[in-house]
Amino acid sequence: MTKRVLLASSRGTCAGVDRAIETVENALARWGPPVYVRHQIVHNTHVIAALEARGAVFVDDVAEVPEGARVIFSAHGVSPVVRTAASSRRLEVVDATCPLVSKVHKEAVRFAGDGYTVLLIGHAGHEEIVGIMGEAPESIRLVESTGDAASVEVPDPGRVVWLCQTTLAIDEAMEIVGVLRDRFPALADPPSDDICFATQNRQNAIKSVAPRCDVVLVVGSPNSSNSRRLVEVAAAAGAGAAHLVDGAGELDPAWLDGAETVGVTSGASVPEVLVTHLLDRLADLGFDQVETQQGVPEPQRFSLPLPLRAG
């Protein structure tokens, strides 16, 4: 029996994640430890552990940061309440919010200011959603499912717009939008796609290989929304089974019993080396033929936050 791996690219970290990690690394190099970061800078346990070893201190609340110190906001963004709290403690803020997330914040503020009800598609409790909803809580309704879409109430059905968490599965979001549009024919669209291009690329790549795979393995941490969505997308696209692994050590060989083709992909916040380790582990188990399905190139780069730019 021939055993092979279908490697679905794109792989490696995306531009927003790169910027966030580089922000902490540059802050450590310029100012030395400790460098305080509100929440995990990105949702990957290996990245967090590596930065902690260099002196990054991750906190849940800006109240844990010494008054007058410096704090980095994570890639997922924060609400105005957090910015006010940081200001009241005289903290020097370095904002590493992904520019794509910042775009959704600005859209929410603009539409709310124009009298729209914003129907925000996403998952309750996710840091990105908490931050966006905090921009205009009286004007934003969270829609997590088609059930929510069928029951959400708005004051003016003629002035509604939908926005979206950047890390959602595209098909899931569009199904919810379809229900909303049936109820609210005047529903306005975001000015441009809210779902991150790296998230879209990875979902499209795994869709192309999943129907040919007995098992799909997604490298990513359990708290990574876009990684969990990849598992769901792979299963929906026809994979025999799909599993999330934080690293090669979490691979259960029993998952591969009887399998001939294993698909491999990774979330947008996963370093390339973790994928390499998984491929090495699969090779040890006999899956040593790797066929790469090339994804869409991602040449985009985002500038570092202003306090860290050269000069």
C-alpha atoms as a PDB file:
ATOM      1  CA  MET A   1       0.000   0.000   0.000  1.00  0.00           C
ATOM      2  CA  THR A   2       1.411   3.366  -1.046  1.00  0.00           C
ATOM      3  CA  LYS A   3       1.276   5.909   1.724  1.00  0.00           C
ATOM      4  CA  ARG A   4       1.467   9.579   0.862  1.00  0.00           C
ATOM      5  CA  VAL A   5       0.960  13.056   2.267  1.00  0.00           C
ATOM      6  CA  LEU A   6      -0.893  15.818   0.445  1.00  0.00           C
ATOM      7  CA  LEU A   7       0.503  19.060   1.822  1.00  0.00           C
ATOM      8  CA  ALA A   8      -1.974  21.884   1.323  1.00  0.00           C
ATOM      9  CA  SER A   9      -0.236  25.247   1.036  1.00  0.00           C
ATOM     10  CA  SER A  10      -0.326  28.124   1.956  1.00  0.00           C
ATOM     11  CA  ARG A  11       1.675  27.357   5.078  1.00  0.00           C
ATOM     12  CA  GLY A  12       3.676  29.333   7.576  1.00  0.00           C
ATOM     13  CA  THR A  13       2.467  32.376   9.448  1.00  0.00           C
ATOM     14  CA  CYS A  14       0.433  35.109   7.746  1.00  0.00           C
ATOM     15  CA  ALA A  15       1.322  38.804   7.443  1.00  0.00           C
ATOM     16  CA  GLY A  16      -0.712  39.908  10.460  1.00  0.00           C
ATOM     17  CA  VAL A  17       0.804  37.196  12.648  1.00  0.00           C
ATOM     18  CA  ASP A  18       4.307  37.965  11.385  1.00  0.00           C
ATOM     19  CA  ARG A  19       3.809  41.627  12.298  1.00  0.00           C
ATOM     20  CA  ALA A  20       2.546  40.785  15.781  1.00  0.00           C
ATOM     21  CA  ILE A  21       5.394  38.387  16.576  1.00  0.00           C
ATOM     22  CA  GLU A  22       7.986  40.784  15.151  1.00  0.00           C
ATOM     23  CA  THR A  23       6.506  43.544  17.303  1.00  0.00           C
ATOM     24  CA  VAL A  24       7.243  41.607  20.495  1.00  0.00           C
ATOM     25  CA  GLU A  25      10.654  40.454  19.255  1.00  0.00           C
ATOM     26  CA  ASN A  26      11.661  43.995  18.293  1.00  0.00           C
ATOM     27  CA  ALA A  27      10.360  45.390  21.575  1.00  0.00           C
ATOM     28  CA  LEU A  28      12.475  42.869  23.499  1.00  0.00           C
ATOM     29  CA  ALA A  29      15.531  43.731  21.416  1.00  0.00           C
ATOM     30  CA  ARG A  30      15.051  47.499  21.755  1.00  0.00           C
ATOM     31  CA  TRP A  31      13.871  47.876  25.338  1.00  0.00           C
ATOM     32  CA  GLY A  32      14.813  44.571  26.942  1.00  0.00           C
ATOM     33  CA  PRO A  33      12.632  42.413  29.169  1.00  0.00           C
ATOM     34  CA  PRO A  34      10.134  42.464  30.617  1.00  0.00           C
ATOM     35  CA  VAL A  35       7.830  43.396  27.753  1.00  0.00           C
ATOM     36  CA  TYR A  36       4.163  43.265  28.749  1.00  0.00           C
ATOM     37  CA  VAL A  37       1.595  41.979  26.258  1.00  0.00           C
ATOM     38  CA  ARG A  38      -2.148  42.064  26.815  1.00  0.00           C
ATOM     39  CA  HIS A  39      -3.437  38.565  26.005  1.00  0.00           C
ATOM     40  CA  GLN A  40      -1.577  36.121  23.792  1.00  0.00           C
ATOM     41  CA  ILE A  41       0.015  38.065  20.943  1.00  0.00           C
ATOM     42  CA  VAL A  42      -1.205  35.305  18.569  1.00  0.00           C
ATOM     43  CA  HIS A  43      -3.056  32.073  19.271  1.00  0.00           C
ATOM     44  CA  ASN A  44      -0.221  29.559  19.172  1.00  0.00           C
ATOM     45  CA  THR A  45       1.165  27.921  22.280  1.00  0.00           C
ATOM     46  CA  HIS A  46       4.635  27.342  20.795  1.00  0.00           C
ATOM     47  CA  VAL A  47       5.032  30.990  19.789  1.00  0.00           C
ATOM     48  CA  ILE A  48       3.890  32.148  23.227  1.00  0.00           C
ATOM     49  CA  ALA A  49       6.288  29.805  25.039  1.00  0.00           C
ATOM     50  CA  ALA A  50       9.227  30.979  22.914  1.00  0.00           C
ATOM     51  CA  LEU A  51       8.458  34.656  23.567  1.00  0.00           C
ATOM     52  CA  GLU A  52       7.975  34.046  27.294  1.00  0.00           C
ATOM     53  CA  ALA A  53      11.417  32.430  27.404  1.00  0.00           C
ATOM     54  CA  ARG A  54      12.852  35.684  26.005  1.00  0.00           C
ATOM     55  CA  GLY A  55      11.112  37.882  28.572  1.00  0.00           C
ATOM     56  CA  ALA A  56       7.621  38.601  27.262  1.00  0.00           C
ATOM     57  CA  VAL A  57       4.993  38.744  30.007  1.00  0.00           C
ATOM     58  CA  PHE A  58       1.438  37.983  28.884  1.00  0.00           C
ATOM     59  CA  VAL A  59      -1.342  39.432  31.034  1.00  0.00           C
ATOM     60  CA  ASP A  60      -5.116  39.184  30.921  1.00  0.00           C
ATOM     61  CA  ASP A  61      -5.757  42.778  31.955  1.00  0.00           C
ATOM     62  CA  VAL A  62      -3.849  46.053  31.648  1.00  0.00           C
ATOM     63  CA  ALA A  63      -4.341  46.406  35.424  1.00  0.00           C
ATOM     64  CA  GLU A  64      -1.582  43.771  35.744  1.00  0.00           C
ATOM     65  CA  VAL A  65       0.916  46.030  33.947  1.00  0.00           C
ATOM     66  CA  PRO A  66       2.953  48.332  36.235  1.00  0.00           C
ATOM     67  CA  GLU A  67       1.749  51.913  36.035  1.00  0.00           C
ATOM     68  CA  GLY A  68       3.708  53.944  33.503  1.00  0.00           C
ATOM     69  CA  ALA A  69       5.128  50.850  31.789  1.00  0.00           C
ATOM     70  CA  ARG A  70       4.841  49.806  28.167  1.00  0.00           C
ATOM     71  CA  VAL A  71       2.189  47.360  26.921  1.00  0.00           C
ATOM     72  CA  ILE A  72       1.657  45.683  23.555  1.00  0.00           C
ATOM     73  CA  PHE A  73      -1.873  45.011  22.331  1.00  0.00           C
ATOM     74  CA  SER A  74      -2.259  41.627  20.633  1.00  0.00           C
ATOM     75  CA  ALA A  75      -3.079  40.978  16.979  1.00  0.00           C
ATOM     76  CA  HIS A  76      -6.736  40.426  17.883  1.00  0.00           C
ATOM     77  CA  GLY A  77      -7.407  44.040  18.852  1.00  0.00           C
ATOM     78  CA  VAL A  78      -9.004  45.667  21.889  1.00  0.00           C
ATOM     79  CA  SER A  79     -12.103  47.685  22.711  1.00  0.00           C
ATOM     80  CA  PRO A  80     -12.098  51.409  23.562  1.00  0.00           C
ATOM     81  CA  VAL A  81     -12.601  50.450  27.225  1.00  0.00           C
ATOM     82  CA  VAL A  82      -9.184  48.763  27.245  1.00  0.00           C
ATOM     83  CA  ARG A  83      -7.556  51.778  25.593  1.00  0.00           C
ATOM     84  CA  THR A  84      -9.076  54.047  28.247  1.00  0.00           C
ATOM     85  CA  ALA A  85      -7.861  51.759  31.029  1.00  0.00           C
ATOM     86  CA  ALA A  86      -4.350  51.790  29.568  1.00  0.00           C
ATOM     87  CA  SER A  87      -4.420  55.579  29.348  1.00  0.00           C
ATOM     88  CA  SER A  88      -5.576  55.919  32.958  1.00  0.00           C
ATOM     89  CA  ARG A  89      -2.538  53.896  34.050  1.00  0.00           C
ATOM     90  CA  ARG A  90      -0.263  56.060  31.887  1.00  0.00           C
ATOM     91  CA  LEU A  91       0.827  53.030  29.864  1.00  0.00           C
ATOM     92  CA  GLU A  92       2.789  53.482  26.664  1.00  0.00           C
ATOM     93  CA  VAL A  93       0.829  51.466  24.106  1.00  0.00           C
ATOM     94  CA  VAL A  94       2.365  49.611  21.185  1.00  0.00           C
ATOM     95  CA  ASP A  95      -0.573  48.453  19.093  1.00  0.00           C
ATOM     96  CA  ALA A  96       0.054  45.188  17.235  1.00  0.00           C
ATOM     97  CA  THR A  97      -3.567  44.770  16.123  1.00  0.00           C
ATOM     98  CA  CYS A  98      -3.678  43.094  12.707  1.00  0.00           C
ATOM     99  CA  PRO A  99      -4.527  45.771  10.113  1.00  0.00           C
ATOM    100  CA  LEU A 100      -7.305  43.527   8.783  1.00  0.00           C
ATOM    101  CA  VAL A 101      -8.895  43.426  12.228  1.00  0.00           C
ATOM    102  CA  SER A 102      -8.462  47.186  12.565  1.00  0.00           C
ATOM    103  CA  LYS A 103     -10.364  47.539   9.291  1.00  0.00           C
ATOM    104  CA  VAL A 104     -13.391  45.766  10.775  1.00  0.00           C
ATOM    105  CA  HIS A 105     -13.213  48.022  13.868  1.00  0.00           C
ATOM    106  CA  LYS A 106     -13.314  51.087  11.633  1.00  0.00           C
ATOM    107  CA  GLU A 107     -16.202  49.700   9.591  1.00  0.00           C
ATOM    108  CA  ALA A 108     -18.197  49.034  12.752  1.00  0.00           C
ATOM    109  CA  VAL A 109     -17.606  52.579  14.034  1.00  0.00           C
ATOM    110  CA  ARG A 110     -18.523  54.150  10.699  1.00  0.00           C
ATOM    111  CA  PHE A 111     -21.715  52.160  10.136  1.00  0.00           C
ATOM    112  CA  ALA A 112     -22.864  52.630  13.729  1.00  0.00           C
ATOM    113  CA  GLY A 113     -22.234  56.358  13.386  1.00  0.00           C
ATOM    114  CA  ASP A 114     -24.396  56.387  10.254  1.00  0.00           C
ATOM    115  CA  GLY A 115     -27.309  54.862  12.142  1.00  0.00           C
ATOM    116  CA  TYR A 116     -26.947  51.252  11.031  1.00  0.00           C
ATOM    117  CA  THR A 117     -27.382  48.168  13.162  1.00  0.00           C
ATOM    118  CA  VAL A 118     -24.246  46.090  12.681  1.00  0.00           C
ATOM    119  CA  LEU A 119     -24.855  42.335  12.509  1.00  0.00           C
ATOM    120  CA  LEU A 120     -21.465  40.958  13.502  1.00  0.00           C
ATOM    121  CA  ILE A 121     -20.909  37.337  12.471  1.00  0.00           C
ATOM    122  CA  GLY A 122     -18.509  35.595  14.807  1.00  0.00           C
ATOM    123  CA  HIS A 123     -17.998  33.598  17.986  1.00  0.00           C
ATOM    124  CA  ALA A 124     -18.866  34.957  21.425  1.00  0.00           C
ATOM    125  CA  GLY A 125     -15.885  35.421  23.703  1.00  0.00           C
ATOM    126  CA  HIS A 126     -13.263  35.506  20.960  1.00  0.00           C
ATOM    127  CA  GLU A 127     -10.925  38.420  21.631  1.00  0.00           C
ATOM    128  CA  GLU A 128     -11.484  39.884  18.181  1.00  0.00           C
ATOM    129  CA  ILE A 129     -15.268  39.893  18.655  1.00  0.00           C
ATOM    130  CA  VAL A 130     -15.039  41.375  22.155  1.00  0.00           C
ATOM    131  CA  GLY A 131     -12.915  44.232  20.809  1.00  0.00           C
ATOM    132  CA  ILE A 132     -15.156  45.003  17.827  1.00  0.00           C
ATOM    133  CA  MET A 133     -18.378  44.879  19.850  1.00  0.00           C
ATOM    134  CA  GLY A 134     -16.859  47.292  22.315  1.00  0.00           C
ATOM    135  CA  GLU A 135     -16.667  49.972  19.621  1.00  0.00           C
ATOM    136  CA  ALA A 136     -20.439  50.501  19.571  1.00  0.00           C
ATOM    137  CA  PRO A 137     -22.173  47.979  21.851  1.00  0.00           C
ATOM    138  CA  GLU A 138     -25.573  49.636  21.514  1.00  0.00           C
ATOM    139  CA  SER A 139     -25.493  49.238  17.715  1.00  0.00           C
ATOM    140  CA  ILE A 140     -23.891  45.807  17.274  1.00  0.00           C
ATOM    141  CA  ARG A 141     -25.667  42.439  17.455  1.00  0.00           C
ATOM    142  CA  LEU A 142     -23.620  39.245  17.576  1.00  0.00           C
ATOM    143  CA  VAL A 143     -24.775  36.551  15.147  1.00  0.00           C
ATOM    144  CA  GLU A 144     -23.118  33.187  15.786  1.00  0.00           C
ATOM    145  CA  SER A 145     -25.317  30.860  13.727  1.00  0.00           C
ATOM    146  CA  THR A 146     -28.128  30.595  11.219  1.00  0.00           C
ATOM    147  CA  GLY A 147     -30.423  30.247  14.224  1.00  0.00           C
ATOM    148  CA  ASP A 148     -29.263  33.616  15.521  1.00  0.00           C
ATOM    149  CA  ALA A 149     -29.699  35.059  12.032  1.00  0.00           C
ATOM    150  CA  ALA A 150     -33.294  33.851  11.965  1.00  0.00           C
ATOM    151  CA  SER A 151     -34.153  35.457  15.301  1.00  0.00           C
ATOM    152  CA  VAL A 152     -32.040  38.614  15.653  1.00  0.00           C
ATOM    153  CA  GLU A 153     -34.096  41.798  16.014  1.00  0.00           C
ATOM    154  CA  VAL A 154     -33.094  45.244  14.757  1.00  0.00           C
ATOM    155  CA  PRO A 155     -34.744  48.651  15.253  1.00  0.00           C
ATOM    156  CA  ASP A 156     -34.725  49.550  11.555  1.00  0.00           C
ATOM    157  CA  PRO A 157     -34.690  46.686   9.008  1.00  0.00           C
ATOM    158  CA  GLY A 158     -33.850  49.234   6.325  1.00  0.00           C
ATOM    159  CA  ARG A 159     -30.506  50.151   7.914  1.00  0.00           C
ATOM    160  CA  VAL A 160     -28.569  46.978   8.642  1.00  0.00           C
ATOM    161  CA  VAL A 161     -25.108  45.829   7.615  1.00  0.00           C
ATOM    162  CA  TRP A 162     -23.196  42.621   8.211  1.00  0.00           C
ATOM    163  CA  LEU A 163     -19.548  42.421   9.263  1.00  0.00           C
ATOM    164  CA  CYS A 164     -17.495  39.345  10.047  1.00  0.00           C
ATOM    165  CA  GLN A 165     -14.783  38.000  12.331  1.00  0.00           C
ATOM    166  CA  THR A 166     -11.656  37.680  10.182  1.00  0.00           C
ATOM    167  CA  THR A 167     -10.968  34.023  11.056  1.00  0.00           C
ATOM    168  CA  LEU A 168     -14.313  32.406  10.198  1.00  0.00           C
ATOM    169  CA  ALA A 169     -14.963  29.675   7.666  1.00  0.00           C
ATOM    170  CA  ILE A 170     -16.141  31.384   4.486  1.00  0.00           C
ATOM    171  CA  ASP A 171     -18.936  28.915   3.732  1.00  0.00           C
ATOM    172  CA  GLU A 172     -20.267  29.167   7.283  1.00  0.00           C
ATOM    173  CA  ALA A 173     -20.312  32.959   7.142  1.00  0.00           C
ATOM    174  CA  MET A 174     -22.030  33.040   3.754  1.00  0.00           C
ATOM    175  CA  GLU A 175     -24.734  30.643   4.935  1.00  0.00           C
ATOM    176  CA  ILE A 176     -25.477  33.010   7.818  1.00  0.00           C
ATOM    177  CA  VAL A 177     -25.460  36.003   5.462  1.00  0.00           C
ATOM    178  CA  GLY A 178     -27.993  34.210   3.267  1.00  0.00           C
ATOM    179  CA  VAL A 179     -30.433  33.883   6.166  1.00  0.00           C
ATOM    180  CA  LEU A 180     -29.891  37.516   7.132  1.00  0.00           C
ATOM    181  CA  ARG A 181     -30.503  38.695   3.581  1.00  0.00           C
ATOM    182  CA  ASP A 182     -33.756  36.751   3.382  1.00  0.00           C
ATOM    183  CA  ARG A 183     -34.954  38.568   6.489  1.00  0.00           C
ATOM    184  CA  PHE A 184     -33.451  41.961   5.673  1.00  0.00           C
ATOM    185  CA  PRO A 185     -33.452  42.594   1.905  1.00  0.00           C
ATOM    186  CA  ALA A 186     -31.780  45.976   2.452  1.00  0.00           C
ATOM    187  CA  LEU A 187     -28.820  44.318   4.193  1.00  0.00           C
ATOM    188  CA  ALA A 188     -25.606  46.150   3.269  1.00  0.00           C
ATOM    189  CA  ASP A 189     -22.297  44.368   2.667  1.00  0.00           C
ATOM    190  CA  PRO A 190     -18.908  45.337   4.098  1.00  0.00           C
ATOM    191  CA  PRO A 191     -16.916  47.571   1.724  1.00  0.00           C
ATOM    192  CA  SER A 192     -14.453  44.708   1.209  1.00  0.00           C
ATOM    193  CA  ASP A 193     -14.017  41.131   2.440  1.00  0.00           C
ATOM    194  CA  ASP A 194     -13.645  40.933   6.206  1.00  0.00           C
ATOM    195  CA  ILE A 195     -12.344  37.358   6.298  1.00  0.00           C
ATOM    196  CA  CYS A 196      -8.539  37.428   6.271  1.00  0.00           C
ATOM    197  CA  PHE A 197      -6.951  36.581   2.906  1.00  0.00           C
ATOM    198  CA  ALA A 198      -4.636  34.089   4.631  1.00  0.00           C
ATOM    199  CA  THR A 199      -7.644  32.368   6.213  1.00  0.00           C
ATOM    200  CA  GLN A 200      -9.368  32.214   2.815  1.00  0.00           C
ATOM    201  CA  ASN A 201      -6.261  30.842   1.116  1.00  0.00           C
ATOM    202  CA  ARG A 202      -5.831  28.058   3.660  1.00  0.00           C
ATOM    203  CA  GLN A 203      -9.487  27.090   3.510  1.00  0.00           C
ATOM    204  CA  ASN A 204      -9.418  26.964  -0.291  1.00  0.00           C
ATOM    205  CA  ALA A 205      -6.239  24.879  -0.231  1.00  0.00           C
ATOM    206  CA  ILE A 206      -7.603  22.262   2.148  1.00  0.00           C
ATOM    207  CA  LYS A 207     -10.869  22.074   0.189  1.00  0.00           C
ATOM    208  CA  SER A 208      -8.847  21.102  -2.882  1.00  0.00           C
ATOM    209  CA  VAL A 209      -7.168  18.123  -1.194  1.00  0.00           C
ATOM    210  CA  ALA A 210      -9.669  16.961   1.454  1.00  0.00           C
ATOM    211  CA  PRO A 211     -11.797  14.804  -0.901  1.00  0.00           C
ATOM    212  CA  ARG A 212      -8.707  12.710  -1.682  1.00  0.00           C
ATOM    213  CA  CYS A 213      -7.660  12.269   1.954  1.00  0.00           C
ATOM    214  CA  ASP A 214      -8.462   9.468   4.369  1.00  0.00           C
ATOM    215  CA  VAL A 215      -7.316  11.736   7.196  1.00  0.00           C
ATOM    216  CA  VAL A 216      -6.536  15.457   7.401  1.00  0.00           C
ATOM    217  CA  LEU A 217      -4.229  16.834  10.083  1.00  0.00           C
ATOM    218  CA  VAL A 218      -4.398  20.545  10.877  1.00  0.00           C
ATOM    219  CA  VAL A 219      -1.477  21.977  12.814  1.00  0.00           C
ATOM    220  CA  GLY A 220      -2.726  24.635  15.204  1.00  0.00           C
ATOM    221  CA  SER A 221      -3.462  25.404  18.839  1.00  0.00           C
ATOM    222  CA  PRO A 222      -6.887  24.692  20.377  1.00  0.00           C
ATOM    223  CA  ASN A 223      -7.583  28.401  20.958  1.00  0.00           C
ATOM    224  CA  SER A 224      -6.875  29.299  17.318  1.00  0.00           C
ATOM    225  CA  SER A 225     -10.185  30.061  15.624  1.00  0.00           C
ATOM    226  CA  ASN A 226      -8.832  29.821  12.072  1.00  0.00           C
ATOM    227  CA  SER A 227      -7.168  26.466  12.833  1.00  0.00           C
ATOM    228  CA  ARG A 228     -10.385  25.002  14.239  1.00  0.00           C
ATOM    229  CA  ARG A 229     -12.250  26.243  11.176  1.00  0.00           C
ATOM    230  CA  LEU A 230      -9.788  24.350   8.944  1.00  0.00           C
ATOM    231  CA  VAL A 231     -10.736  21.108  10.695  1.00  0.00           C
ATOM    232  CA  GLU A 232     -14.411  21.847  10.030  1.00  0.00           C
ATOM    233  CA  VAL A 233     -13.755  22.817   6.408  1.00  0.00           C
ATOM    234  CA  ALA A 234     -11.747  19.636   5.763  1.00  0.00           C
ATOM    235  CA  ALA A 235     -14.492  17.435   7.198  1.00  0.00           C
ATOM    236  CA  ALA A 236     -17.204  19.236   5.223  1.00  0.00           C
ATOM    237  CA  ALA A 237     -15.141  18.983   2.014  1.00  0.00           C
ATOM    238  CA  GLY A 238     -15.021  15.193   2.159  1.00  0.00           C
ATOM    239  CA  ALA A 239     -12.031  14.129   4.261  1.00  0.00           C
ATOM    240  CA  GLY A 240     -12.484  10.744   5.921  1.00  0.00           C
ATOM    241  CA  ALA A 241     -11.555  12.329   9.251  1.00  0.00           C
ATOM    242  CA  ALA A 242      -9.949  15.574  10.408  1.00  0.00           C
ATOM    243  CA  HIS A 243      -7.939  16.297  13.555  1.00  0.00           C
ATOM    244  CA  LEU A 244      -6.322  19.344  15.141  1.00  0.00           C
ATOM    245  CA  VAL A 245      -2.797  18.852  16.520  1.00  0.00           C
ATOM    246  CA  ASP A 246      -0.755  21.477  18.343  1.00  0.00           C
ATOM    247  CA  GLY A 247       2.398  19.695  17.242  1.00  0.00           C
ATOM    248  CA  ALA A 248       3.783  16.366  16.061  1.00  0.00           C
ATOM    249  CA  GLY A 249       3.660  14.969  19.597  1.00  0.00           C
ATOM    250  CA  GLU A 250      -0.156  15.065  19.547  1.00  0.00           C
ATOM    251  CA  LEU A 251      -0.442  12.802  16.500  1.00  0.00           C
ATOM    252  CA  ASP A 252      -2.193   9.552  17.439  1.00  0.00           C
ATOM    253  CA  PRO A 253      -0.919   6.776  15.116  1.00  0.00           C
ATOM    254  CA  ALA A 254      -4.286   5.037  15.522  1.00  0.00           C
ATOM    255  CA  TRP A 255      -5.833   7.818  13.418  1.00  0.00           C
ATOM    256  CA  LEU A 256      -3.806   6.518  10.474  1.00  0.00           C
ATOM    257  CA  ASP A 257      -4.872   2.869  10.647  1.00  0.00           C
ATOM    258  CA  GLY A 258      -5.844   1.814   7.124  1.00  0.00           C
ATOM    259  CA  ALA A 259      -5.105   5.251   5.690  1.00  0.00           C
ATOM    260  CA  GLU A 260      -3.266   5.684   2.398  1.00  0.00           C
ATOM    261  CA  THR A 261      -3.459   9.465   1.970  1.00  0.00           C
ATOM    262  CA  VAL A 262      -3.015  12.018   4.747  1.00  0.00           C
ATOM    263  CA  GLY A 263      -3.654  15.702   4.164  1.00  0.00           C
ATOM    264  CA  VAL A 264      -1.655  18.269   6.120  1.00  0.00           C
ATOM    265  CA  THR A 265      -2.279  21.970   6.550  1.00  0.00           C
ATOM    266  CA  SER A 266      -1.732  24.589   9.234  1.00  0.00           C
ATOM    267  CA  GLY A 267      -3.392  27.618  10.764  1.00  0.00           C
ATOM    268  CA  ALA A 268      -2.287  31.143   9.959  1.00  0.00           C
ATOM    269  CA  SER A 269      -0.404  31.532  13.247  1.00  0.00           C
ATOM    270  CA  VAL A 270       1.637  28.326  12.984  1.00  0.00           C
ATOM    271  CA  PRO A 271       5.410  28.530  12.434  1.00  0.00           C
ATOM    272  CA  GLU A 272       6.696  26.523   9.470  1.00  0.00           C
ATOM    273  CA  VAL A 273       8.926  24.379  11.689  1.00  0.00           C
ATOM    274  CA  LEU A 274       5.889  22.793  13.366  1.00  0.00           C
ATOM    275  CA  VAL A 275       4.616  21.559   9.996  1.00  0.00           C
ATOM    276  CA  THR A 276       8.077  20.184   9.209  1.00  0.00           C
ATOM    277  CA  HIS A 277       8.112  18.264  12.513  1.00  0.00           C
ATOM    278  CA  LEU A 278       4.732  16.732  11.688  1.00  0.00           C
ATOM    279  CA  LEU A 279       5.919  15.688   8.228  1.00  0.00           C
ATOM    280  CA  ASP A 280       8.979  14.060   9.834  1.00  0.00           C
ATOM    281  CA  ARG A 281       6.732  12.165  12.245  1.00  0.00           C
ATOM    282  CA  LEU A 282       4.503  11.003   9.383  1.00  0.00           C
ATOM    283  CA  ALA A 283       7.573   9.850   7.473  1.00  0.00           C
ATOM    284  CA  ASP A 284       8.561   7.738  10.494  1.00  0.00           C
ATOM    285  CA  LEU A 285       5.130   6.119  10.256  1.00  0.00           C
ATOM    286  CA  GLY A 286       5.598   5.293   6.572  1.00  0.00           C
ATOM    287  CA  PHE A 287       4.027   8.365   4.993  1.00  0.00           C
ATOM    288  CA  ASP A 288       7.231   9.496   3.339  1.00  0.00           C
ATOM    289  CA  GLN A 289       5.928  10.552  -0.081  1.00  0.00           C
ATOM    290  CA  VAL A 290       4.934  14.212   0.065  1.00  0.00           C
ATOM    291  CA  GLU A 291       2.993  15.922  -2.703  1.00  0.00           C
ATOM    292  CA  THR A 292       2.634  19.672  -2.260  1.00  0.00           C
ATOM    293  CA  GLN A 293      -0.534  21.362  -3.499  1.00  0.00           C
ATOM    294  CA  GLN A 294       0.659  24.899  -4.052  1.00  0.00           C
ATOM    295  CA  GLY A 295      -1.568  27.591  -2.630  1.00  0.00           C
ATOM    296  CA  VAL A 296      -1.886  31.279  -3.387  1.00  0.00           C
ATOM    297  CA  PRO A 297       1.354  33.215  -2.732  1.00  0.00           C
ATOM    298  CA  GLU A 298       1.097  35.653   0.170  1.00  0.00           C
ATOM    299  CA  PRO A 299       3.705  38.374  -0.458  1.00  0.00           C
ATOM    300  CA  GLN A 300       1.888  40.906   1.740  1.00  0.00           C
ATOM    301  CA  ARG A 301       3.814  42.575   4.542  1.00  0.00           C
ATOM    302  CA  PHE A 302       2.570  44.964   7.206  1.00  0.00           C
ATOM    303  CA  SER A 303       4.730  47.688   8.752  1.00  0.00           C
ATOM    304  CA  LEU A 304       5.617  47.443  12.414  1.00  0.00           C
ATOM    305  CA  PRO A 305       3.740  49.726  14.833  1.00  0.00           C
ATOM    306  CA  LEU A 306       5.040  53.294  14.752  1.00  0.00           C
ATOM    307  CA  PRO A 307       7.087  53.172  18.004  1.00  0.00           C
ATOM    308  CA  LEU A 308       9.200  50.357  16.528  1.00  0.00           C
ATOM    309  CA  ARG A 309       9.830  51.654  13.036  1.00  0.00           C
ATOM    310  CA  ALA A 310      13.415  52.510  12.200  1.00  0.00           C
ATOM    311  CA  GLY A 311      14.271  56.100  13.008  1.00  0.00           C
END
